[in-house]
């Protein structure tokens, strides 16, 4: 699935990735973006409801509604890109799969759904099916095929979905390709934006906790609940960090229980 691309394309993709990943660290030095990347990026809309009645076409050519993939207790991981993307889209999904392999208790189709939507209204279901076959094979768990969904749709449906999650992209005529950010979006079982995962390398713990958080406590193991208590999302690092204050609180409660037990034995 790796594609060889000209150096110019690689530079464009790298610049797009940098724009998605690197926040402005110093206000006194802001480099202007290349013209191809103006207007490209992500406007985070946490808590925003995505329109579940949007109509798309699945990889088998069947008309579907976005809401078909939202079930009680199952979060949805949304990937926006396009199937003929020369590099960046492949890197995002490859990176996600690599991280997901190390999260054995979260499997597409069993615990959550993966919905990939092409932002190119000219792409077809045939192309979507080939992409699904490739990625299911790459993931290495054929039993998870029912949890992977590769969709195409009209320009109107695509625009409504990308607007809802704040995904800004553009067609670059000189390159004959789309410029877009490297990001995955986790959605709750009711279709609300829960978290944005940026980049092309995804830490297994971040994948696990973002899905557990998006599930809103439904069908989440006791271990995941404990991890969510011990780790909290840090917007500055865009990852989950150790929540020291929660551990201190838990330790204080535990200490009170132990002291109480000791005193009770004396009494």
Protein backbone atom coordinates (compact mmCIF):
# COMPACT_ATOMS: atom_id res chain seq x y z
CA UNK A 1 0.00 0.00 0.00
CA UNK A 2 3.00 2.31 0.10
CA UNK A 3 3.08 4.65 -2.88
CA UNK A 4 6.11 6.28 -4.47
CA UNK A 5 5.42 9.93 -5.16
CA UNK A 6 7.48 12.76 -6.60
CA UNK A 7 9.52 14.83 -4.18
CA UNK A 8 7.21 17.79 -4.67
CA UNK A 9 4.19 15.76 -3.58
CA UNK A 10 6.06 14.46 -0.58
CA UNK A 11 6.94 18.02 0.42
CA UNK A 12 3.30 19.07 0.17
CA UNK A 13 2.12 16.12 2.26
CA UNK A 14 4.81 16.77 4.87
CA UNK A 15 3.80 20.41 5.07
CA UNK A 16 0.15 19.44 5.50
CA UNK A 17 1.09 17.03 8.26
CA UNK A 18 3.19 19.66 9.98
CA UNK A 19 0.30 22.10 9.86
CA UNK A 20 -1.94 19.54 11.54
CA UNK A 21 0.53 18.46 14.17
CA UNK A 22 2.56 21.44 15.27
CA UNK A 23 0.88 24.24 17.21
CA UNK A 24 2.47 27.70 17.09
CA UNK A 25 4.93 27.56 19.95
CA UNK A 26 6.20 31.16 19.82
CA UNK A 27 4.03 34.09 18.89
CA UNK A 28 7.00 36.13 17.77
CA UNK A 29 7.85 33.77 14.90
CA UNK A 30 5.03 32.62 12.66
CA UNK A 31 5.99 31.27 9.26
CA UNK A 32 3.39 31.83 6.52
CA UNK A 33 1.74 28.70 5.19
CA UNK A 34 2.26 27.69 1.56
CA UNK A 35 -0.58 28.80 -0.66
CA UNK A 36 -1.74 25.19 -1.07
CA UNK A 37 -2.41 24.97 2.70
CA UNK A 38 -4.31 28.22 3.21
CA UNK A 39 -7.69 27.36 4.69
CA UNK A 40 -6.65 23.75 5.38
CA UNK A 41 -6.80 22.39 8.92
CA UNK A 42 -9.14 21.42 11.73
CA UNK A 43 -11.49 23.56 13.79
CA UNK A 44 -12.22 21.40 16.82
CA UNK A 45 -15.92 21.11 17.60
CA UNK A 46 -16.04 18.93 20.68
CA UNK A 47 -19.59 17.94 21.57
CA UNK A 48 -20.92 18.82 18.13
CA UNK A 49 -23.64 16.50 16.84
CA UNK A 50 -22.94 15.10 13.37
CA UNK A 51 -26.01 14.75 11.12
CA UNK A 52 -26.83 11.04 11.21
CA UNK A 53 -29.37 11.27 8.38
CA UNK A 54 -26.70 12.03 5.76
CA UNK A 55 -26.81 9.61 2.83
CA UNK A 56 -23.74 7.85 1.48
CA UNK A 57 -22.88 4.73 -0.55
CA UNK A 58 -21.04 1.85 1.11
CA UNK A 59 -18.24 -0.24 -0.40
CA UNK A 60 -20.79 -2.67 -1.87
CA UNK A 61 -22.63 0.08 -3.71
CA UNK A 62 -25.60 0.13 -1.33
CA UNK A 63 -27.19 3.42 -0.21
CA UNK A 64 -26.73 3.90 3.54
CA UNK A 65 -27.24 6.57 6.15
CA UNK A 66 -24.45 7.66 8.44
CA UNK A 67 -26.61 6.75 11.42
CA UNK A 68 -26.49 3.07 10.40
CA UNK A 69 -23.05 2.82 12.01
CA UNK A 70 -24.00 4.24 15.41
CA UNK A 71 -25.13 1.67 17.95
CA UNK A 72 -25.68 1.80 21.70
CA UNK A 73 -22.40 1.39 23.54
CA UNK A 74 -20.18 1.57 20.44
CA UNK A 75 -18.14 4.66 19.62
CA UNK A 76 -17.22 5.41 16.01
CA UNK A 77 -13.79 6.32 14.70
CA UNK A 78 -14.16 8.62 11.69
CA UNK A 79 -11.44 9.04 9.06
CA UNK A 80 -11.83 11.71 6.39
CA UNK A 81 -9.59 11.55 3.33
CA UNK A 82 -9.83 10.10 -0.15
CA UNK A 83 -8.96 6.75 -1.70
CA UNK A 84 -6.67 7.99 -4.46
CA UNK A 85 -4.57 10.01 -2.02
CA UNK A 86 -0.90 9.50 -3.02
CA UNK A 87 0.49 9.31 0.50
CA UNK A 88 -0.97 11.06 3.57
CA UNK A 89 -4.29 9.16 3.81
CA UNK A 90 -2.43 5.86 3.62
CA UNK A 91 -0.02 6.98 6.34
CA UNK A 92 -2.88 7.90 8.69
CA UNK A 93 -4.71 4.57 8.37
CA UNK A 94 -1.48 2.56 8.42
CA UNK A 95 -0.45 4.34 11.61
CA UNK A 96 -3.83 3.73 13.19
CA UNK A 97 -3.75 0.04 12.33
CA UNK A 98 -0.25 -0.33 13.73
CA UNK A 99 -1.33 1.21 17.03
CA UNK A 100 -4.63 -0.69 17.11
CA UNK A 101 -2.85 -4.03 16.85
CA UNK A 102 -1.48 -3.37 20.34
CA UNK A 103 -4.97 -2.80 21.77
CA UNK A 104 -6.36 -6.36 21.74
CA UNK A 105 -9.50 -5.58 23.73
CA UNK A 106 -10.77 -3.01 21.21
CA UNK A 107 -11.71 -4.60 17.87
CA UNK A 108 -13.73 -3.04 15.03
CA UNK A 109 -17.13 -4.68 14.83
CA UNK A 110 -17.05 -5.85 18.45
CA UNK A 111 -16.34 -2.72 20.49
CA UNK A 112 -16.46 0.14 17.97
CA UNK A 113 -16.92 0.98 14.29
CA UNK A 114 -14.45 2.47 11.83
CA UNK A 115 -16.04 4.73 9.20
CA UNK A 116 -13.83 6.04 6.40
CA UNK A 117 -15.44 8.70 4.20
CA UNK A 118 -13.95 9.97 0.94
CA UNK A 119 -14.09 13.75 0.52
CA UNK A 120 -13.89 13.31 -3.25
CA UNK A 121 -17.46 13.05 -4.66
CA UNK A 122 -16.06 11.52 -7.87
CA UNK A 123 -14.70 8.39 -6.19
CA UNK A 124 -16.67 5.16 -6.53
CA UNK A 125 -17.79 2.25 -4.39
CA UNK A 126 -15.50 -0.04 -6.36
CA UNK A 127 -12.48 1.93 -5.23
CA UNK A 128 -13.81 2.01 -1.66
CA UNK A 129 -14.16 -1.79 -1.65
CA UNK A 130 -10.58 -2.28 -2.80
CA UNK A 131 -9.39 0.01 0.00
CA UNK A 132 -11.41 -1.90 2.58
CA UNK A 133 -10.00 -5.23 1.43
CA UNK A 134 -6.47 -3.86 1.63
CA UNK A 135 -6.84 -2.46 5.13
CA UNK A 136 -8.68 -5.43 6.61
CA UNK A 137 -5.89 -7.63 5.24
CA UNK A 138 -3.27 -5.25 6.64
CA UNK A 139 -4.94 -5.27 10.08
CA UNK A 140 -4.67 -9.07 10.13
CA UNK A 141 -8.03 -9.82 11.79
CA UNK A 142 -10.41 -10.85 9.00
CA UNK A 143 -13.22 -11.37 11.51
CA UNK A 144 -13.27 -7.59 12.01
CA UNK A 145 -14.34 -6.87 8.41
CA UNK A 146 -17.90 -6.10 9.51
CA UNK A 147 -16.62 -3.22 11.60
CA UNK A 148 -14.82 -1.41 8.75
CA UNK A 149 -16.92 0.82 6.49
CA UNK A 150 -15.59 2.72 3.47
CA UNK A 151 -18.06 5.23 2.10
CA UNK A 152 -18.44 7.55 -0.87
CA UNK A 153 -21.04 10.26 -1.25
CA UNK A 154 -22.35 13.38 -2.89
CA UNK A 155 -20.67 16.75 -2.52
CA UNK A 156 -23.58 17.89 -0.33
CA UNK A 157 -23.29 15.00 2.15
CA UNK A 158 -19.51 15.33 2.28
CA UNK A 159 -19.71 19.07 2.94
CA UNK A 160 -22.27 18.62 5.73
CA UNK A 161 -20.16 16.00 7.50
CA UNK A 162 -16.83 17.82 7.18
CA UNK A 163 -18.46 21.05 8.36
CA UNK A 164 -19.90 19.32 11.42
CA UNK A 165 -16.51 18.04 12.59
CA UNK A 166 -14.52 21.11 11.47
CA UNK A 167 -12.43 19.32 8.83
CA UNK A 168 -11.18 21.94 6.33
CA UNK A 169 -9.59 20.78 3.06
CA UNK A 170 -9.17 22.05 -0.48
CA UNK A 171 -8.52 20.85 -4.01
CA UNK A 172 -5.08 21.86 -5.31
CA UNK A 173 -5.46 22.17 -9.07
CA UNK A 174 -1.72 22.28 -9.81
CA UNK A 175 -1.20 18.95 -8.03
CA UNK A 176 -4.55 17.38 -8.95
CA UNK A 177 -4.98 16.30 -5.33
CA UNK A 178 -6.60 17.38 -2.08
CA UNK A 179 -4.70 19.14 0.71
CA UNK A 180 -5.97 18.09 4.14
CA UNK A 181 -4.92 17.48 7.73
CA UNK A 182 -3.80 14.17 9.24
CA UNK A 183 -6.49 13.53 11.84
CA UNK A 184 -8.95 10.93 13.11
CA UNK A 185 -12.15 11.84 14.96
CA UNK A 186 -13.77 9.75 17.68
CA UNK A 187 -17.55 10.05 17.95
CA UNK A 188 -19.87 8.94 20.74
CA UNK A 189 -22.54 6.26 20.17
CA UNK A 190 -25.05 9.10 19.69
CA UNK A 191 -22.89 10.85 17.08
CA UNK A 192 -21.24 13.66 19.04
CA UNK A 193 -17.59 14.66 18.54
CA UNK A 194 -15.55 13.32 21.47
CA UNK A 195 -11.87 13.69 20.54
CA UNK A 196 -9.45 14.48 17.71
CA UNK A 197 -6.36 12.31 17.18
CA UNK A 198 -3.66 14.00 15.10
CA UNK A 199 -0.72 12.64 13.13
CA UNK A 200 0.33 9.46 11.39
CA UNK A 201 1.62 7.62 14.48
CA UNK A 202 -0.93 6.71 17.13
CA UNK A 203 0.01 5.62 20.62
CA UNK A 204 -1.95 2.47 21.61
CA UNK A 205 -2.86 4.00 24.99
CA UNK A 206 -4.24 7.11 23.27
CA UNK A 207 -6.34 4.97 20.92
CA UNK A 208 -7.67 2.90 23.80
CA UNK A 209 -8.50 5.82 26.08
CA UNK A 210 -10.04 7.96 23.34
CA UNK A 211 -12.39 5.10 22.38
CA UNK A 212 -13.21 4.36 26.02
CA UNK A 213 -13.90 8.05 26.62
CA UNK A 214 -16.08 8.31 23.50
CA UNK A 215 -18.15 5.30 24.62
CA UNK A 216 -19.46 7.44 27.49
CA UNK A 217 -19.02 4.61 29.98
CA UNK A 218 -21.14 2.14 28.04
CA UNK A 219 -19.74 -1.37 27.64
CA UNK A 220 -16.36 -0.29 29.00
CA UNK A 221 -14.31 -2.69 31.11
CA UNK A 222 -13.37 -1.91 34.72
CA UNK A 223 -9.74 -1.64 33.61
CA UNK A 224 -10.59 1.01 31.00
CA UNK A 225 -12.62 2.89 33.60
CA UNK A 226 -9.62 2.83 35.93
CA UNK A 227 -7.30 4.03 33.15
CA UNK A 228 -9.65 6.91 32.38
CA UNK A 229 -9.47 7.88 36.04
CA UNK A 230 -5.67 7.70 36.11
CA UNK A 231 -5.08 9.45 32.77
CA UNK A 232 -6.60 12.65 31.43
CA UNK A 233 -6.36 14.19 27.97
CA UNK A 234 -3.77 16.97 27.72
CA UNK A 235 -4.59 19.37 24.84
CA UNK A 236 -1.05 20.77 24.76
CA UNK A 237 0.54 17.37 24.05
CA UNK A 238 -2.58 15.97 22.31
CA UNK A 239 -2.28 12.79 24.34
CA UNK A 240 -3.39 11.31 27.65
CA UNK A 241 -1.21 12.19 30.63
CA UNK A 242 -0.96 10.80 34.14
CA UNK A 243 -3.59 12.52 36.33
CA UNK A 244 -1.63 12.96 39.57
CA UNK A 245 -4.45 14.74 41.39
CA UNK A 246 -6.82 11.82 40.85
CA UNK A 247 -4.24 9.37 42.14
CA UNK A 248 -3.69 11.54 45.22
CA UNK A 249 -7.42 11.60 45.88
CA UNK A 250 -7.66 7.85 45.48
CA UNK A 251 -4.67 7.41 47.78
CA UNK A 252 -6.27 9.63 50.40
CA UNK A 253 -9.50 7.63 50.29
CA UNK A 254 -7.55 4.37 50.54
CA UNK A 255 -5.59 5.71 53.52
CA UNK A 256 -8.83 6.64 55.30
CA UNK A 257 -10.21 3.16 54.67
CA UNK A 258 -7.07 1.53 56.08
CA UNK A 259 -7.01 3.78 59.15
CA UNK A 260 -10.69 3.19 59.70
CA UNK A 261 -10.19 -0.58 59.48
CA UNK A 262 -7.32 -0.43 62.03
CA UNK A 263 -9.34 1.70 64.46
CA UNK A 264 -12.33 -0.58 64.07
CA UNK A 265 -10.21 -3.59 65.03
CA UNK A 266 -9.10 -1.80 68.23
CA UNK A 267 -12.63 -0.77 69.06
